[in-house]
Structures are given as structure tokens and as C-alpha cells.
Amino acid sequence: MYNFDSELDASGLNCPLPVVRAKNAMSALTAGQILKIISTDPGSARNFEAFCAQTGNELLSSTETNGQHSIFIKIN
């Protein structure tokens, strides 16, 4: 678990909406800050891994418990 600067609850949303909402939330953050995303989309881990690879942001962790994904991204 990381200390985070902002949290986005994207529960109940399916691809691509969690990524789109995260991108919007990230625009309010500055380099070095961390966004926590909560998602129930089964493809979340894979989608955010690809998103970070494309955008240059750092995927700190992605865990899943009982169908709920917790994703931490550090803004670069």
C-alpha cells in the first residue's frame, strides 16, 4: 500500500472508462504524485499496465481482492 494524493473509484465501470477517468484525474496531479484507482473491471490490471507503458507514468502496484482491483500510479 502506498500513500496517495488522489483516489478514483471506478467501480462498476468497464473498459475503457476506468482508464479514461484515470487520465482525467491525473491531469489535476503533478509529477511525483500518486493516484489510487479502484476498479472492478476484470481487465484493469492489463489495461493500466498498457496505459502506463504508453504514457510514461509508473505503475507502482496492481492488486486484486475479491474482484476489486487497487492500482497505484505515480505521475511522471
N, C-alpha and C. Protein backbone atom coordinates (compact mmCIF):
# COMPACT_ATOMS: atom_id res chain seq x y z
N MET A 1 0.85 -1.18 0.00
CA MET A 1 0.00 0.00 0.00
C MET A 1 0.89 1.24 0.00
N TYR A 2 0.49 2.20 -0.76
CA TYR A 2 1.24 3.45 -0.89
C TYR A 2 0.41 4.60 -0.32
N ASN A 3 1.10 5.63 0.15
CA ASN A 3 0.42 6.88 0.43
C ASN A 3 0.06 7.47 -0.91
N PHE A 4 -1.13 8.02 -1.04
CA PHE A 4 -1.55 8.54 -2.33
C PHE A 4 -2.12 9.94 -2.17
N ASP A 5 -2.08 10.67 -3.28
CA ASP A 5 -2.51 12.07 -3.27
C ASP A 5 -3.95 12.24 -3.72
N SER A 6 -4.44 11.28 -4.49
CA SER A 6 -5.80 11.36 -5.01
C SER A 6 -6.31 9.94 -5.23
N GLU A 7 -7.63 9.77 -5.09
CA GLU A 7 -8.23 8.45 -5.27
C GLU A 7 -9.39 8.55 -6.25
N LEU A 8 -9.45 7.58 -7.15
CA LEU A 8 -10.52 7.50 -8.13
C LEU A 8 -11.24 6.17 -7.95
N ASP A 9 -12.53 6.22 -7.70
CA ASP A 9 -13.32 4.99 -7.59
C ASP A 9 -14.03 4.77 -8.93
N ALA A 10 -13.50 3.82 -9.69
CA ALA A 10 -14.08 3.49 -11.00
C ALA A 10 -14.84 2.17 -10.94
N SER A 11 -15.30 1.81 -9.76
CA SER A 11 -16.05 0.57 -9.58
C SER A 11 -17.31 0.59 -10.44
N GLY A 12 -17.59 -0.56 -11.06
CA GLY A 12 -18.79 -0.69 -11.88
C GLY A 12 -18.61 -0.22 -13.31
N LEU A 13 -17.48 0.39 -13.62
CA LEU A 13 -17.24 0.87 -14.99
C LEU A 13 -16.42 -0.17 -15.76
N ASN A 14 -16.74 -0.33 -17.03
CA ASN A 14 -15.99 -1.25 -17.88
C ASN A 14 -15.09 -0.49 -18.83
N CYS A 15 -14.10 -1.20 -19.35
CA CYS A 15 -13.13 -0.65 -20.30
C CYS A 15 -13.86 0.03 -21.45
N PRO A 16 -13.44 1.20 -21.82
CA PRO A 16 -12.24 1.94 -21.45
C PRO A 16 -12.47 2.98 -20.36
N LEU A 17 -13.65 3.01 -19.75
CA LEU A 17 -13.97 4.10 -18.82
C LEU A 17 -13.03 4.24 -17.62
N PRO A 18 -12.57 3.15 -16.97
CA PRO A 18 -11.63 3.37 -15.86
C PRO A 18 -10.36 4.09 -16.30
N VAL A 19 -9.84 3.75 -17.47
CA VAL A 19 -8.63 4.40 -17.97
C VAL A 19 -8.92 5.85 -18.34
N VAL A 20 -10.04 6.10 -18.97
CA VAL A 20 -10.41 7.47 -19.35
C VAL A 20 -10.57 8.34 -18.11
N ARG A 21 -11.26 7.82 -17.10
CA ARG A 21 -11.45 8.58 -15.86
C ARG A 21 -10.12 8.81 -15.14
N ALA A 22 -9.25 7.80 -15.18
CA ALA A 22 -7.93 7.95 -14.55
C ALA A 22 -7.12 9.02 -15.26
N LYS A 23 -7.16 9.01 -16.58
CA LYS A 23 -6.43 10.02 -17.35
C LYS A 23 -6.91 11.42 -16.96
N ASN A 24 -8.21 11.59 -16.82
CA ASN A 24 -8.77 12.89 -16.42
C ASN A 24 -8.32 13.26 -15.00
N ALA A 25 -8.33 12.30 -14.09
CA ALA A 25 -7.92 12.56 -12.71
C ALA A 25 -6.44 12.91 -12.65
N MET A 26 -5.64 12.29 -13.49
CA MET A 26 -4.20 12.54 -13.50
C MET A 26 -3.87 13.95 -13.97
N SER A 27 -4.73 14.54 -14.77
CA SER A 27 -4.46 15.88 -15.27
C SER A 27 -4.45 16.92 -14.15
N ALA A 28 -5.06 16.60 -13.01
CA ALA A 28 -5.08 17.52 -11.87
C ALA A 28 -3.90 17.30 -10.94
N LEU A 29 -3.06 16.29 -11.24
CA LEU A 29 -1.92 15.98 -10.38
C LEU A 29 -0.62 16.45 -11.03
N THR A 30 0.42 16.54 -10.22
CA THR A 30 1.72 16.95 -10.72
C THR A 30 2.71 15.79 -10.61
N ALA A 31 3.84 15.95 -11.27
CA ALA A 31 4.87 14.90 -11.27
C ALA A 31 5.23 14.51 -9.84
N GLY A 32 5.31 13.20 -9.63
CA GLY A 32 5.67 12.67 -8.33
C GLY A 32 4.47 12.31 -7.46
N GLN A 33 3.31 12.81 -7.80
CA GLN A 33 2.12 12.47 -7.02
C GLN A 33 1.60 11.09 -7.43
N ILE A 34 0.81 10.50 -6.54
CA ILE A 34 0.31 9.14 -6.75
C ILE A 34 -1.21 9.14 -6.78
N LEU A 35 -1.74 8.45 -7.79
CA LEU A 35 -3.18 8.25 -7.94
C LEU A 35 -3.51 6.81 -7.60
N LYS A 36 -4.49 6.62 -6.72
CA LYS A 36 -5.01 5.29 -6.42
C LYS A 36 -6.31 5.12 -7.20
N ILE A 37 -6.43 4.00 -7.89
CA ILE A 37 -7.63 3.71 -8.67
C ILE A 37 -8.24 2.42 -8.13
N ILE A 38 -9.53 2.46 -7.88
CA ILE A 38 -10.28 1.27 -7.50
C ILE A 38 -11.16 0.91 -8.69
N SER A 39 -11.07 -0.34 -9.13
CA SER A 39 -11.81 -0.76 -10.31
C SER A 39 -12.29 -2.20 -10.14
N THR A 40 -13.44 -2.49 -10.71
CA THR A 40 -13.98 -3.85 -10.72
C THR A 40 -13.92 -4.47 -12.11
N ASP A 41 -13.42 -3.74 -13.08
CA ASP A 41 -13.28 -4.26 -14.44
C ASP A 41 -12.23 -5.38 -14.43
N PRO A 42 -12.57 -6.58 -14.88
CA PRO A 42 -11.62 -7.69 -14.84
C PRO A 42 -10.32 -7.43 -15.62
N GLY A 43 -10.34 -6.57 -16.60
CA GLY A 43 -9.15 -6.28 -17.40
C GLY A 43 -8.33 -5.12 -16.88
N SER A 44 -8.64 -4.63 -15.70
CA SER A 44 -7.98 -3.43 -15.17
C SER A 44 -6.47 -3.55 -15.10
N ALA A 45 -5.98 -4.64 -14.56
CA ALA A 45 -4.51 -4.79 -14.40
C ALA A 45 -3.81 -4.67 -15.74
N ARG A 46 -4.31 -5.38 -16.72
CA ARG A 46 -3.72 -5.36 -18.07
C ARG A 46 -3.88 -3.98 -18.72
N ASN A 47 -5.05 -3.38 -18.57
CA ASN A 47 -5.31 -2.08 -19.19
C ASN A 47 -4.43 -0.98 -18.61
N PHE A 48 -4.26 -0.96 -17.29
CA PHE A 48 -3.44 0.08 -16.69
C PHE A 48 -1.95 -0.16 -16.92
N GLU A 49 -1.56 -1.40 -17.05
CA GLU A 49 -0.17 -1.69 -17.40
C GLU A 49 0.15 -1.12 -18.79
N ALA A 50 -0.75 -1.34 -19.74
CA ALA A 50 -0.56 -0.82 -21.10
C ALA A 50 -0.63 0.71 -21.09
N PHE A 51 -1.56 1.28 -20.33
CA PHE A 51 -1.71 2.73 -20.24
C PHE A 51 -0.43 3.38 -19.74
N CYS A 52 0.15 2.81 -18.69
CA CYS A 52 1.38 3.38 -18.13
C CYS A 52 2.55 3.24 -19.11
N ALA A 53 2.61 2.12 -19.81
CA ALA A 53 3.68 1.94 -20.81
C ALA A 53 3.57 2.99 -21.91
N GLN A 54 2.35 3.34 -22.29
CA GLN A 54 2.14 4.32 -23.36
C GLN A 54 2.36 5.75 -22.89
N THR A 55 2.03 6.05 -21.63
CA THR A 55 2.08 7.43 -21.16
C THR A 55 3.37 7.78 -20.42
N GLY A 56 4.14 6.76 -20.03
CA GLY A 56 5.38 7.02 -19.30
C GLY A 56 5.19 7.19 -17.81
N ASN A 57 3.96 7.00 -17.33
CA ASN A 57 3.74 7.04 -15.89
C ASN A 57 4.13 5.69 -15.30
N GLU A 58 4.36 5.65 -13.99
CA GLU A 58 4.87 4.44 -13.35
C GLU A 58 3.76 3.69 -12.63
N LEU A 59 3.54 2.45 -13.04
CA LEU A 59 2.60 1.58 -12.35
C LEU A 59 3.32 1.02 -11.13
N LEU A 60 2.95 1.52 -9.95
CA LEU A 60 3.62 1.10 -8.71
C LEU A 60 3.15 -0.27 -8.26
N SER A 61 1.84 -0.50 -8.33
CA SER A 61 1.31 -1.81 -7.97
C SER A 61 -0.10 -1.96 -8.49
N SER A 62 -0.48 -3.22 -8.63
CA SER A 62 -1.82 -3.58 -9.05
C SER A 62 -2.18 -4.87 -8.33
N THR A 63 -3.15 -4.79 -7.43
CA THR A 63 -3.57 -5.97 -6.69
C THR A 63 -5.07 -6.18 -6.86
N GLU A 64 -5.48 -7.43 -6.68
CA GLU A 64 -6.90 -7.76 -6.82
C GLU A 64 -7.33 -8.58 -5.61
N THR A 65 -8.43 -8.18 -5.01
CA THR A 65 -9.02 -8.91 -3.89
C THR A 65 -10.52 -8.98 -4.09
N ASN A 66 -11.02 -10.20 -4.21
CA ASN A 66 -12.46 -10.42 -4.36
C ASN A 66 -13.06 -9.60 -5.51
N GLY A 67 -12.35 -9.54 -6.62
CA GLY A 67 -12.85 -8.83 -7.80
C GLY A 67 -12.65 -7.33 -7.79
N GLN A 68 -12.02 -6.81 -6.77
CA GLN A 68 -11.75 -5.37 -6.70
C GLN A 68 -10.26 -5.13 -6.88
N HIS A 69 -9.92 -4.34 -7.88
CA HIS A 69 -8.53 -4.02 -8.19
C HIS A 69 -8.16 -2.70 -7.52
N SER A 70 -6.97 -2.68 -6.92
CA SER A 70 -6.40 -1.45 -6.37
C SER A 70 -5.12 -1.19 -7.16
N ILE A 71 -5.09 -0.06 -7.83
CA ILE A 71 -3.99 0.27 -8.73
C ILE A 71 -3.38 1.59 -8.27
N PHE A 72 -2.06 1.62 -8.18
CA PHE A 72 -1.35 2.83 -7.78
C PHE A 72 -0.45 3.26 -8.92
N ILE A 73 -0.62 4.50 -9.37
CA ILE A 73 0.17 5.05 -10.47
C ILE A 73 0.87 6.32 -10.00
N LYS A 74 2.18 6.36 -10.25
CA LYS A 74 2.95 7.57 -9.94
C LYS A 74 3.05 8.41 -11.20
N ILE A 75 2.68 9.67 -11.09
CA ILE A 75 2.68 10.59 -12.23
C ILE A 75 4.11 11.01 -12.54
N ASN A 76 4.49 10.89 -13.79
CA ASN A 76 5.83 11.33 -14.24
C ASN A 76 5.74 12.54 -15.13
